[in-house]
Amino acid sequence: MIIKRAIAVESLTKVCEESLNLIKQLIDADNDVYAKGYEDGMAAESEVQKTLRPWVGLTDEEIWETISRIGTSDSDVNPYAKLADARAIEAKLKEKNR
């Protein structure tokens, strides 16, 4: 009877040790997956931050240059009104791209 009990305890101990090892492997695998996901997420966020750039509007000089290319020779055309229109368009674009 004592021998059977010792064999049973030894068998149960082996089963418990094997179960514990499997649990440890699962935890390690889960930690690896979590770490990989975290690293991938941080890398993706870094890439997104690289592509996000602050709005850079046109300078008055750039607008004047563009206005002169599209023509303001008509005496009824107010170049300052065109500048205001250009700024309004720029503001709308900025609003849409937030």
PDB file of N, CA and C in Angstrom:
ATOM      1  N   MET A   1       0.816  -1.188   0.000  1.00  0.00           N
ATOM      2  CA  MET A   1       0.000   0.000   0.000  1.00  0.00           C
ATOM      3  C   MET A   1       0.867   1.262   0.000  1.00  0.00           C
ATOM      4  N   ILE A   2       1.914   1.291   0.767  1.00  0.00           N
ATOM      5  CA  ILE A   2       2.802   2.446   0.832  1.00  0.00           C
ATOM      6  C   ILE A   2       3.483   2.647  -0.519  1.00  0.00           C
ATOM      7  N   ILE A   3       3.853   1.574  -1.190  1.00  0.00           N
ATOM      8  CA  ILE A   3       4.501   1.671  -2.496  1.00  0.00           C
ATOM      9  C   ILE A   3       3.520   2.242  -3.510  1.00  0.00           C
ATOM     10  N   LYS A   4       2.285   1.784  -3.502  1.00  0.00           N
ATOM     11  CA  LYS A   4       1.281   2.312  -4.429  1.00  0.00           C
ATOM     12  C   LYS A   4       1.056   3.800  -4.189  1.00  0.00           C
ATOM     13  N   ARG A   5       1.022   4.153  -2.905  1.00  0.00           N
ATOM     14  CA  ARG A   5       0.816   5.565  -2.568  1.00  0.00           C
ATOM     15  C   ARG A   5       2.003   6.399  -3.063  1.00  0.00           C
ATOM     16  N   ALA A   6       3.210   5.935  -2.890  1.00  0.00           N
ATOM     17  CA  ALA A   6       4.410   6.647  -3.322  1.00  0.00           C
ATOM     18  C   ALA A   6       4.415   6.790  -4.843  1.00  0.00           C
ATOM     19  N   ILE A   7       4.013   5.723  -5.540  1.00  0.00           N
ATOM     20  CA  ILE A   7       3.945   5.773  -7.001  1.00  0.00           C
ATOM     21  C   ILE A   7       2.884   6.783  -7.438  1.00  0.00           C
ATOM     22  N   ALA A   8       1.747   6.774  -6.761  1.00  0.00           N
ATOM     23  CA  ALA A   8       0.670   7.708  -7.090  1.00  0.00           C
ATOM     24  C   ALA A   8       1.117   9.149  -6.851  1.00  0.00           C
ATOM     25  N   VAL A   9       1.804   9.398  -5.723  1.00  0.00           N
ATOM     26  CA  VAL A   9       2.288  10.745  -5.412  1.00  0.00           C
ATOM     27  C   VAL A   9       3.318  11.176  -6.448  1.00  0.00           C
ATOM     28  N   GLU A  10       4.216  10.244  -6.811  1.00  0.00           N
ATOM     29  CA  GLU A  10       5.238  10.566  -7.809  1.00  0.00           C
ATOM     30  C   GLU A  10       4.587  10.869  -9.154  1.00  0.00           C
ATOM     31  N   SER A  11       3.600  10.085  -9.545  1.00  0.00           N
ATOM     32  CA  SER A  11       2.895  10.326 -10.806  1.00  0.00           C
ATOM     33  C   SER A  11       2.166  11.658 -10.766  1.00  0.00           C
ATOM     34  N   LEU A  12       1.501  11.917  -9.675  1.00  0.00           N
ATOM     35  CA  LEU A  12       0.778  13.175  -9.533  1.00  0.00           C
ATOM     36  C   LEU A  12       1.746  14.357  -9.552  1.00  0.00           C
ATOM     37  N   THR A  13       2.898  14.201  -8.921  1.00  0.00           N
ATOM     38  CA  THR A  13       3.909  15.251  -8.913  1.00  0.00           C
ATOM     39  C   THR A  13       4.394  15.531 -10.326  1.00  0.00           C
ATOM     40  N   LYS A  14       4.639  14.483 -11.122  1.00  0.00           N
ATOM     41  CA  LYS A  14       5.075  14.656 -12.506  1.00  0.00           C
ATOM     42  C   LYS A  14       4.009  15.373 -13.326  1.00  0.00           C
ATOM     43  N   VAL A  15       2.751  14.978 -13.141  1.00  0.00           N
ATOM     44  CA  VAL A  15       1.656  15.623 -13.865  1.00  0.00           C
ATOM     45  C   VAL A  15       1.587  17.104 -13.499  1.00  0.00           C
ATOM     46  N   CYS A  16       1.718  17.396 -12.224  1.00  0.00           N
ATOM     47  CA  CYS A  16       1.672  18.800 -11.776  1.00  0.00           C
ATOM     48  C   CYS A  16       2.853  19.591 -12.337  1.00  0.00           C
ATOM     49  N   GLU A  17       4.043  18.993 -12.331  1.00  0.00           N
ATOM     50  CA  GLU A  17       5.215  19.682 -12.876  1.00  0.00           C
ATOM     51  C   GLU A  17       5.052  19.938 -14.374  1.00  0.00           C
ATOM     52  N   GLU A  18       4.542  18.935 -15.108  1.00  0.00           N
ATOM     53  CA  GLU A  18       4.315  19.103 -16.538  1.00  0.00           C
ATOM     54  C   GLU A  18       3.256  20.180 -16.791  1.00  0.00           C
ATOM     55  N   SER A  19       2.209  20.172 -15.975  1.00  0.00           N
ATOM     56  CA  SER A  19       1.161  21.197 -16.108  1.00  0.00           C
ATOM     57  C   SER A  19       1.736  22.577 -15.822  1.00  0.00           C
ATOM     58  N   LEU A  20       2.546  22.667 -14.788  1.00  0.00           N
ATOM     59  CA  LEU A  20       3.163  23.948 -14.444  1.00  0.00           C
ATOM     60  C   LEU A  20       4.070  24.426 -15.569  1.00  0.00           C
ATOM     61  N   ASN A  21       4.839  23.534 -16.158  1.00  0.00           N
ATOM     62  CA  ASN A  21       5.698  23.902 -17.288  1.00  0.00           C
ATOM     63  C   ASN A  21       4.873  24.382 -18.478  1.00  0.00           C
ATOM     64  N   LEU A  22       3.768  23.700 -18.764  1.00  0.00           N
ATOM     65  CA  LEU A  22       2.896  24.128 -19.861  1.00  0.00           C
ATOM     66  C   LEU A  22       2.302  25.501 -19.585  1.00  0.00           C
ATOM     67  N   ILE A  23       1.891  25.729 -18.362  1.00  0.00           N
ATOM     68  CA  ILE A  23       1.331  27.038 -17.982  1.00  0.00           C
ATOM     69  C   ILE A  23       2.398  28.126 -18.154  1.00  0.00           C
ATOM     70  N   LYS A  24       3.625  27.827 -17.716  1.00  0.00           N
ATOM     71  CA  LYS A  24       4.714  28.803 -17.877  1.00  0.00           C
ATOM     72  C   LYS A  24       4.968  29.095 -19.350  1.00  0.00           C
ATOM     73  N   GLN A  25       4.932  28.054 -20.194  1.00  0.00           N
ATOM     74  CA  GLN A  25       5.136  28.249 -21.633  1.00  0.00           C
ATOM     75  C   GLN A  25       4.024  29.117 -22.222  1.00  0.00           C
ATOM     76  N   LEU A  26       2.789  28.870 -21.786  1.00  0.00           N
ATOM     77  CA  LEU A  26       1.674  29.687 -22.275  1.00  0.00           C
ATOM     78  C   LEU A  26       1.822  31.138 -21.843  1.00  0.00           C
ATOM     79  N   ILE A  27       2.222  31.346 -20.616  1.00  0.00           N
ATOM     80  CA  ILE A  27       2.418  32.717 -20.119  1.00  0.00           C
ATOM     81  C   ILE A  27       3.537  33.404 -20.902  1.00  0.00           C
ATOM     82  N   ASP A  28       4.650  32.681 -21.122  1.00  0.00           N
ATOM     83  CA  ASP A  28       5.755  33.258 -21.894  1.00  0.00           C
ATOM     84  C   ASP A  28       5.319  33.598 -23.315  1.00  0.00           C
ATOM     85  N   ALA A  29       4.565  32.684 -23.931  1.00  0.00           N
ATOM     86  CA  ALA A  29       4.084  32.934 -25.298  1.00  0.00           C
ATOM     87  C   ALA A  29       3.153  34.136 -25.323  1.00  0.00           C
ATOM     88  N   ASP A  30       2.280  34.234 -24.328  1.00  0.00           N
ATOM     89  CA  ASP A  30       1.352  35.365 -24.254  1.00  0.00           C
ATOM     90  C   ASP A  30       2.116  36.675 -24.049  1.00  0.00           C
ATOM     91  N   ASN A  31       3.138  36.637 -23.196  1.00  0.00           N
ATOM     92  CA  ASN A  31       3.958  37.832 -22.978  1.00  0.00           C
ATOM     93  C   ASN A  31       4.684  38.231 -24.255  1.00  0.00           C
ATOM     94  N   ASP A  32       5.170  37.233 -25.013  1.00  0.00           N
ATOM     95  CA  ASP A  32       5.843  37.530 -26.276  1.00  0.00           C
ATOM     96  C   ASP A  32       4.879  38.193 -27.255  1.00  0.00           C
ATOM     97  N   VAL A  33       3.668  37.659 -27.328  1.00  0.00           N
ATOM     98  CA  VAL A  33       2.658  38.228 -28.234  1.00  0.00           C
ATOM     99  C   VAL A  33       2.329  39.653 -27.798  1.00  0.00           C
ATOM    100  N   TYR A  34       2.162  39.856 -26.491  1.00  0.00           N
ATOM    101  CA  TYR A  34       1.862  41.190 -25.988  1.00  0.00           C
ATOM    102  C   TYR A  34       3.002  42.154 -26.306  1.00  0.00           C
ATOM    103  N   ALA A  35       4.236  41.703 -26.036  1.00  0.00           N
ATOM    104  CA  ALA A  35       5.397  42.563 -26.285  1.00  0.00           C
ATOM    105  C   ALA A  35       5.504  42.894 -27.768  1.00  0.00           C
ATOM    106  N   LYS A  36       5.284  41.910 -28.631  1.00  0.00           N
ATOM    107  CA  LYS A  36       5.357  42.133 -30.075  1.00  0.00           C
ATOM    108  C   LYS A  36       4.271  43.120 -30.499  1.00  0.00           C
ATOM    109  N   GLY A  37       3.069  42.928 -29.976  1.00  0.00           N
ATOM    110  CA  GLY A  37       1.973  43.845 -30.303  1.00  0.00           C
ATOM    111  C   GLY A  37       2.270  45.259 -29.843  1.00  0.00           C
ATOM    112  N   TYR A  38       2.833  45.374 -28.648  1.00  0.00           N
ATOM    113  CA  TYR A  38       3.188  46.689 -28.120  1.00  0.00           C
ATOM    114  C   TYR A  38       4.246  47.342 -29.004  1.00  0.00           C
ATOM    115  N   GLU A  39       5.285  46.562 -29.346  1.00  0.00           N
ATOM    116  CA  GLU A  39       6.352  47.102 -30.189  1.00  0.00           C
ATOM    117  C   GLU A  39       5.819  47.510 -31.560  1.00  0.00           C
ATOM    118  N   ASP A  40       4.961  46.661 -32.134  1.00  0.00           N
ATOM    119  CA  ASP A  40       4.377  46.992 -33.438  1.00  0.00           C
ATOM    120  C   ASP A  40       3.525  48.258 -33.343  1.00  0.00           C
ATOM    121  N   GLY A  41       2.763  48.361 -32.260  1.00  0.00           N
ATOM    122  CA  GLY A  41       1.916  49.546 -32.074  1.00  0.00           C
ATOM    123  C   GLY A  41       2.737  50.814 -31.923  1.00  0.00           C
ATOM    124  N   MET A  42       3.814  50.724 -31.167  1.00  0.00           N
ATOM    125  CA  MET A  42       4.670  51.895 -30.983  1.00  0.00           C
ATOM    126  C   MET A  42       5.346  52.283 -32.302  1.00  0.00           C
ATOM    127  N   ALA A  43       5.767  51.287 -33.078  1.00  0.00           N
ATOM    128  CA  ALA A  43       6.389  51.569 -34.375  1.00  0.00           C
ATOM    129  C   ALA A  43       5.382  52.232 -35.312  1.00  0.00           C
ATOM    130  N   ALA A  44       4.145  51.728 -35.294  1.00  0.00           N
ATOM    131  CA  ALA A  44       3.110  52.306 -36.155  1.00  0.00           C
ATOM    132  C   ALA A  44       2.821  53.746 -35.733  1.00  0.00           C
ATOM    133  N   GLU A  45       2.754  53.981 -34.432  1.00  0.00           N
ATOM    134  CA  GLU A  45       2.503  55.345 -33.955  1.00  0.00           C
ATOM    135  C   GLU A  45       3.631  56.275 -34.374  1.00  0.00           C
ATOM    136  N   SER A  46       4.855  55.772 -34.315  1.00  0.00           N
ATOM    137  CA  SER A  46       6.001  56.573 -34.734  1.00  0.00           C
ATOM    138  C   SER A  46       5.897  56.932 -36.213  1.00  0.00           C
ATOM    139  N   GLU A  47       5.472  55.983 -37.030  1.00  0.00           N
ATOM    140  CA  GLU A  47       5.307  56.250 -38.464  1.00  0.00           C
ATOM    141  C   GLU A  47       4.205  57.278 -38.700  1.00  0.00           C
ATOM    142  N   VAL A  48       3.120  57.168 -37.945  1.00  0.00           N
ATOM    143  CA  VAL A  48       2.020  58.131 -38.081  1.00  0.00           C
ATOM    144  C   VAL A  48       2.513  59.526 -37.706  1.00  0.00           C
ATOM    145  N   GLN A  49       3.269  59.609 -36.608  1.00  0.00           N
ATOM    146  CA  GLN A  49       3.779  60.913 -36.182  1.00  0.00           C
ATOM    147  C   GLN A  49       4.699  61.518 -37.236  1.00  0.00           C
ATOM    148  N   LYS A  50       5.458  60.660 -37.950  1.00  0.00           N
ATOM    149  CA  LYS A  50       6.342  61.172 -38.998  1.00  0.00           C
ATOM    150  C   LYS A  50       5.535  61.772 -40.147  1.00  0.00           C
ATOM    151  N   THR A  51       4.378  61.175 -40.435  1.00  0.00           N
ATOM    152  CA  THR A  51       3.593  61.654 -41.574  1.00  0.00           C
ATOM    153  C   THR A  51       2.725  62.849 -41.216  1.00  0.00           C
ATOM    154  N   LEU A  52       2.448  63.043 -39.935  1.00  0.00           N
ATOM    155  CA  LEU A  52       1.656  64.205 -39.530  1.00  0.00           C
ATOM    156  C   LEU A  52       2.572  65.423 -39.484  1.00  0.00           C
ATOM    157  N   ARG A  53       2.258  66.353 -40.305  1.00  0.00           N
ATOM    158  CA  ARG A  53       3.060  67.569 -40.350  1.00  0.00           C
ATOM    159  C   ARG A  53       2.160  68.746 -40.032  1.00  0.00           C
ATOM    160  N   PRO A  54       2.711  69.771 -39.431  1.00  0.00           N
ATOM    161  CA  PRO A  54       1.887  70.949 -39.156  1.00  0.00           C
ATOM    162  C   PRO A  54       1.492  71.637 -40.454  1.00  0.00           C
ATOM    163  N   TRP A  55       0.376  72.314 -40.404  1.00  0.00           N
ATOM    164  CA  TRP A  55      -0.106  73.048 -41.567  1.00  0.00           C
ATOM    165  C   TRP A  55       0.893  74.147 -41.903  1.00  0.00           C
ATOM    166  N   VAL A  56       1.247  74.224 -43.152  1.00  0.00           N
ATOM    167  CA  VAL A  56       2.108  75.302 -43.625  1.00  0.00           C
ATOM    168  C   VAL A  56       1.327  76.035 -44.701  1.00  0.00           C
ATOM    169  N   GLY A  57       0.939  77.235 -44.366  1.00  0.00           N
ATOM    170  CA  GLY A  57       0.162  78.028 -45.313  1.00  0.00           C
ATOM    171  C   GLY A  57       1.055  78.760 -46.303  1.00  0.00           C
ATOM    172  N   LEU A  58       0.417  79.438 -47.214  1.00  0.00           N
ATOM    173  CA  LEU A  58       1.136  80.232 -48.205  1.00  0.00           C
ATOM    174  C   LEU A  58       1.473  81.601 -47.616  1.00  0.00           C
ATOM    175  N   THR A  59       2.595  82.091 -48.021  1.00  0.00           N
ATOM    176  CA  THR A  59       2.941  83.464 -47.616  1.00  0.00           C
ATOM    177  C   THR A  59       2.194  84.427 -48.535  1.00  0.00           C
ATOM    178  N   ASP A  60       2.081  85.668 -48.098  1.00  0.00           N
ATOM    179  CA  ASP A  60       1.454  86.687 -48.942  1.00  0.00           C
ATOM    180  C   ASP A  60       2.183  86.778 -50.283  1.00  0.00           C
ATOM    181  N   GLU A  61       3.511  86.669 -50.227  1.00  0.00           N
ATOM    182  CA  GLU A  61       4.298  86.760 -51.462  1.00  0.00           C
ATOM    183  C   GLU A  61       3.938  85.622 -52.423  1.00  0.00           C
ATOM    184  N   GLU A  62       3.774  84.417 -51.886  1.00  0.00           N
ATOM    185  CA  GLU A  62       3.409  83.286 -52.739  1.00  0.00           C
ATOM    186  C   GLU A  62       2.017  83.482 -53.353  1.00  0.00           C
ATOM    187  N   ILE A  63       1.107  84.032 -52.552  1.00  0.00           N
ATOM    188  CA  ILE A  63      -0.239  84.306 -53.073  1.00  0.00           C
ATOM    189  C   ILE A  63      -0.171  85.383 -54.145  1.00  0.00           C
ATOM    190  N   TRP A  64       0.581  86.461 -53.893  1.00  0.00           N
ATOM    191  CA  TRP A  64       0.714  87.537 -54.892  1.00  0.00           C
ATOM    192  C   TRP A  64       1.287  86.988 -56.182  1.00  0.00           C
ATOM    193  N   GLU A  65       2.288  86.102 -56.041  1.00  0.00           N
ATOM    194  CA  GLU A  65       2.913  85.514 -57.231  1.00  0.00           C
ATOM    195  C   GLU A  65       1.889  84.699 -58.020  1.00  0.00           C
ATOM    196  N   THR A  66       1.079  83.940 -57.331  1.00  0.00           N
ATOM    197  CA  THR A  66       0.054  83.126 -57.995  1.00  0.00           C
ATOM    198  C   THR A  66      -1.007  84.010 -58.626  1.00  0.00           C
ATOM    199  N   ILE A  67      -1.421  85.034 -57.913  1.00  0.00           N
ATOM    200  CA  ILE A  67      -2.426  85.962 -58.448  1.00  0.00           C
ATOM    201  C   ILE A  67      -1.904  86.603 -59.731  1.00  0.00           C
ATOM    202  N   SER A  68      -0.637  86.977 -59.721  1.00  0.00           N
ATOM    203  CA  SER A  68      -0.090  87.633 -60.910  1.00  0.00           C
ATOM    204  C   SER A  68      -0.034  86.670 -62.089  1.00  0.00           C
ATOM    205  N   ARG A  69       0.149  85.398 -61.805  1.00  0.00           N
ATOM    206  CA  ARG A  69       0.186  84.413 -62.892  1.00  0.00           C
ATOM    207  C   ARG A  69      -1.195  84.171 -63.485  1.00  0.00           C
ATOM    208  N   ILE A  70      -2.239  84.257 -62.654  1.00  0.00           N
ATOM    209  CA  ILE A  70      -3.587  84.022 -63.192  1.00  0.00           C
ATOM    210  C   ILE A  70      -4.189  85.305 -63.745  1.00  0.00           C
ATOM    211  N   GLY A  71      -3.515  86.390 -63.513  1.00  0.00           N
ATOM    212  CA  GLY A  71      -3.924  87.643 -64.159  1.00  0.00           C
ATOM    213  C   GLY A  71      -4.800  88.518 -63.297  1.00  0.00           C
ATOM    214  N   THR A  72      -4.369  89.745 -63.162  1.00  0.00           N
ATOM    215  CA  THR A  72      -5.170  90.762 -62.479  1.00  0.00           C
ATOM    216  C   THR A  72      -5.115  92.054 -63.281  1.00  0.00           C
ATOM    217  N   SER A  73      -4.898  91.923 -64.549  1.00  0.00           N
ATOM    218  CA  SER A  73      -4.731  93.125 -65.362  1.00  0.00           C
ATOM    219  C   SER A  73      -6.043  93.865 -65.583  1.00  0.00           C
ATOM    220  N   ASP A  74      -7.156  93.191 -65.378  1.00  0.00           N
ATOM    221  CA  ASP A  74      -8.454  93.847 -65.541  1.00  0.00           C
ATOM    222  C   ASP A  74      -8.567  94.933 -64.475  1.00  0.00           C
ATOM    223  N   SER A  75      -8.873  96.126 -64.873  1.00  0.00           N
ATOM    224  CA  SER A  75      -8.915  97.254 -63.930  1.00  0.00           C
ATOM    225  C   SER A  75     -10.023  97.105 -62.896  1.00  0.00           C
ATOM    226  N   ASP A  76     -11.024  96.252 -63.188  1.00  0.00           N
ATOM    227  CA  ASP A  76     -12.109  96.045 -62.220  1.00  0.00           C
ATOM    228  C   ASP A  76     -11.743  95.025 -61.143  1.00  0.00           C
ATOM    229  N   VAL A  77     -10.596  94.331 -61.299  1.00  0.00           N
ATOM    230  CA  VAL A  77     -10.200  93.298 -60.346  1.00  0.00           C
ATOM    231  C   VAL A  77      -9.374  93.927 -59.236  1.00  0.00           C
ATOM    232  N   ASN A  78      -9.824  93.742 -58.031  1.00  0.00           N
ATOM    233  CA  ASN A  78      -9.105  94.251 -56.871  1.00  0.00           C
ATOM    234  C   ASN A  78      -8.152  93.157 -56.378  1.00  0.00           C
ATOM    235  N   PRO A  79      -6.853  93.366 -56.468  1.00  0.00           N
ATOM    236  CA  PRO A  79      -5.912  92.327 -56.054  1.00  0.00           C
ATOM    237  C   PRO A  79      -6.034  91.995 -54.564  1.00  0.00           C
ATOM    238  N   TYR A  80      -6.427  92.966 -53.746  1.00  0.00           N
ATOM    239  CA  TYR A  80      -6.593  92.713 -52.314  1.00  0.00           C
ATOM    240  C   TYR A  80      -7.801  91.810 -52.054  1.00  0.00           C
ATOM    241  N   ALA A  81      -8.796  91.913 -52.911  1.00  0.00           N
ATOM    242  CA  ALA A  81      -9.953  91.022 -52.800  1.00  0.00           C
ATOM    243  C   ALA A  81      -9.526  89.600 -53.160  1.00  0.00           C
ATOM    244  N   LYS A  82      -8.651  89.480 -54.179  1.00  0.00           N
ATOM    245  CA  LYS A  82      -8.142  88.150 -54.533  1.00  0.00           C
ATOM    246  C   LYS A  82      -7.319  87.573 -53.388  1.00  0.00           C
ATOM    247  N   LEU A  83      -6.533  88.393 -52.724  1.00  0.00           N
ATOM    248  CA  LEU A  83      -5.756  87.929 -51.570  1.00  0.00           C
ATOM    249  C   LEU A  83      -6.694  87.436 -50.478  1.00  0.00           C
ATOM    250  N   ALA A  84      -7.753  88.181 -50.229  1.00  0.00           N
ATOM    251  CA  ALA A  84      -8.733  87.765 -49.219  1.00  0.00           C
ATOM    252  C   ALA A  84      -9.393  86.445 -49.621  1.00  0.00           C
ATOM    253  N   ASP A  85      -9.721  86.312 -50.912  1.00  0.00           N
ATOM    254  CA  ASP A  85     -10.307  85.053 -51.390  1.00  0.00           C
ATOM    255  C   ASP A  85      -9.336  83.892 -51.191  1.00  0.00           C
ATOM    256  N   ALA A  86      -8.066  84.130 -51.507  1.00  0.00           N
ATOM    257  CA  ALA A  86      -7.053  83.079 -51.343  1.00  0.00           C
ATOM    258  C   ALA A  86      -6.944  82.670 -49.881  1.00  0.00           C
ATOM    259  N   ARG A  87      -6.963  83.627 -48.967  1.00  0.00           N
ATOM    260  CA  ARG A  87      -6.896  83.324 -47.522  1.00  0.00           C
ATOM    261  C   ARG A  87      -8.144  82.556 -47.078  1.00  0.00           C
ATOM    262  N   ALA A  88      -9.297  82.895 -47.617  1.00  0.00           N
ATOM    263  CA  ALA A  88     -10.530  82.184 -47.270  1.00  0.00           C
ATOM    264  C   ALA A  88     -10.457  80.729 -47.739  1.00  0.00           C
ATOM    265  N   ILE A  89      -9.948  80.525 -48.945  1.00  0.00           N
ATOM    266  CA  ILE A  89      -9.784  79.164 -49.472  1.00  0.00           C
ATOM    267  C   ILE A  89      -8.789  78.395 -48.607  1.00  0.00           C
ATOM    268  N   GLU A  90      -7.699  79.035 -48.256  1.00  0.00           N
ATOM    269  CA  GLU A  90      -6.683  78.399 -47.424  1.00  0.00           C
ATOM    270  C   GLU A  90      -7.268  78.017 -46.056  1.00  0.00           C
ATOM    271  N   ALA A  91      -8.062  78.872 -45.456  1.00  0.00           N
ATOM    272  CA  ALA A  91      -8.681  78.584 -44.159  1.00  0.00           C
ATOM    273  C   ALA A  91      -9.626  77.393 -44.260  1.00  0.00           C
ATOM    274  N   LYS A  92     -10.385  77.333 -45.339  1.00  0.00           N
ATOM    275  CA  LYS A  92     -11.310  76.214 -45.537  1.00  0.00           C
ATOM    276  C   LYS A  92     -10.538  74.903 -45.690  1.00  0.00           C
ATOM    277  N   LEU A  93      -9.454  74.925 -46.436  1.00  0.00           N
ATOM    278  CA  LEU A  93      -8.626  73.734 -46.603  1.00  0.00           C
ATOM    279  C   LEU A  93      -8.046  73.286 -45.256  1.00  0.00           C
ATOM    280  N   LYS A  94      -7.578  74.245 -44.475  1.00  0.00           N
ATOM    281  CA  LYS A  94      -7.021  73.932 -43.184  1.00  0.00           C
ATOM    282  C   LYS A  94      -8.076  73.302 -42.279  1.00  0.00           C
ATOM    283  N   GLU A  95      -9.269  73.846 -42.299  1.00  0.00           N
ATOM    284  CA  GLU A  95     -10.389  73.323 -41.507  1.00  0.00           C
ATOM    285  C   GLU A  95     -10.714  71.880 -41.912  1.00  0.00           C
ATOM    286  N   LYS A  96     -10.731  71.614 -43.196  1.00  0.00           N
ATOM    287  CA  LYS A  96     -11.080  70.278 -43.694  1.00  0.00           C
ATOM    288  C   LYS A  96      -9.989  69.251 -43.391  1.00  0.00           C
ATOM    289  N   ASN A  97      -8.768  69.695 -43.205  1.00  0.00           N
ATOM    290  CA  ASN A  97      -7.660  68.765 -43.014  1.00  0.00           C
ATOM    291  C   ASN A  97      -7.235  68.603 -41.554  1.00  0.00           C
ATOM    292  N   ARG A  98      -8.070  68.981 -40.638  1.00  0.00           N
ATOM    293  CA  ARG A  98      -7.754  68.789 -39.213  1.00  0.00           C
ATOM    294  C   ARG A  98      -7.928  67.363 -38.827  1.00  0.00           C
TER     295      ARG A  98
END
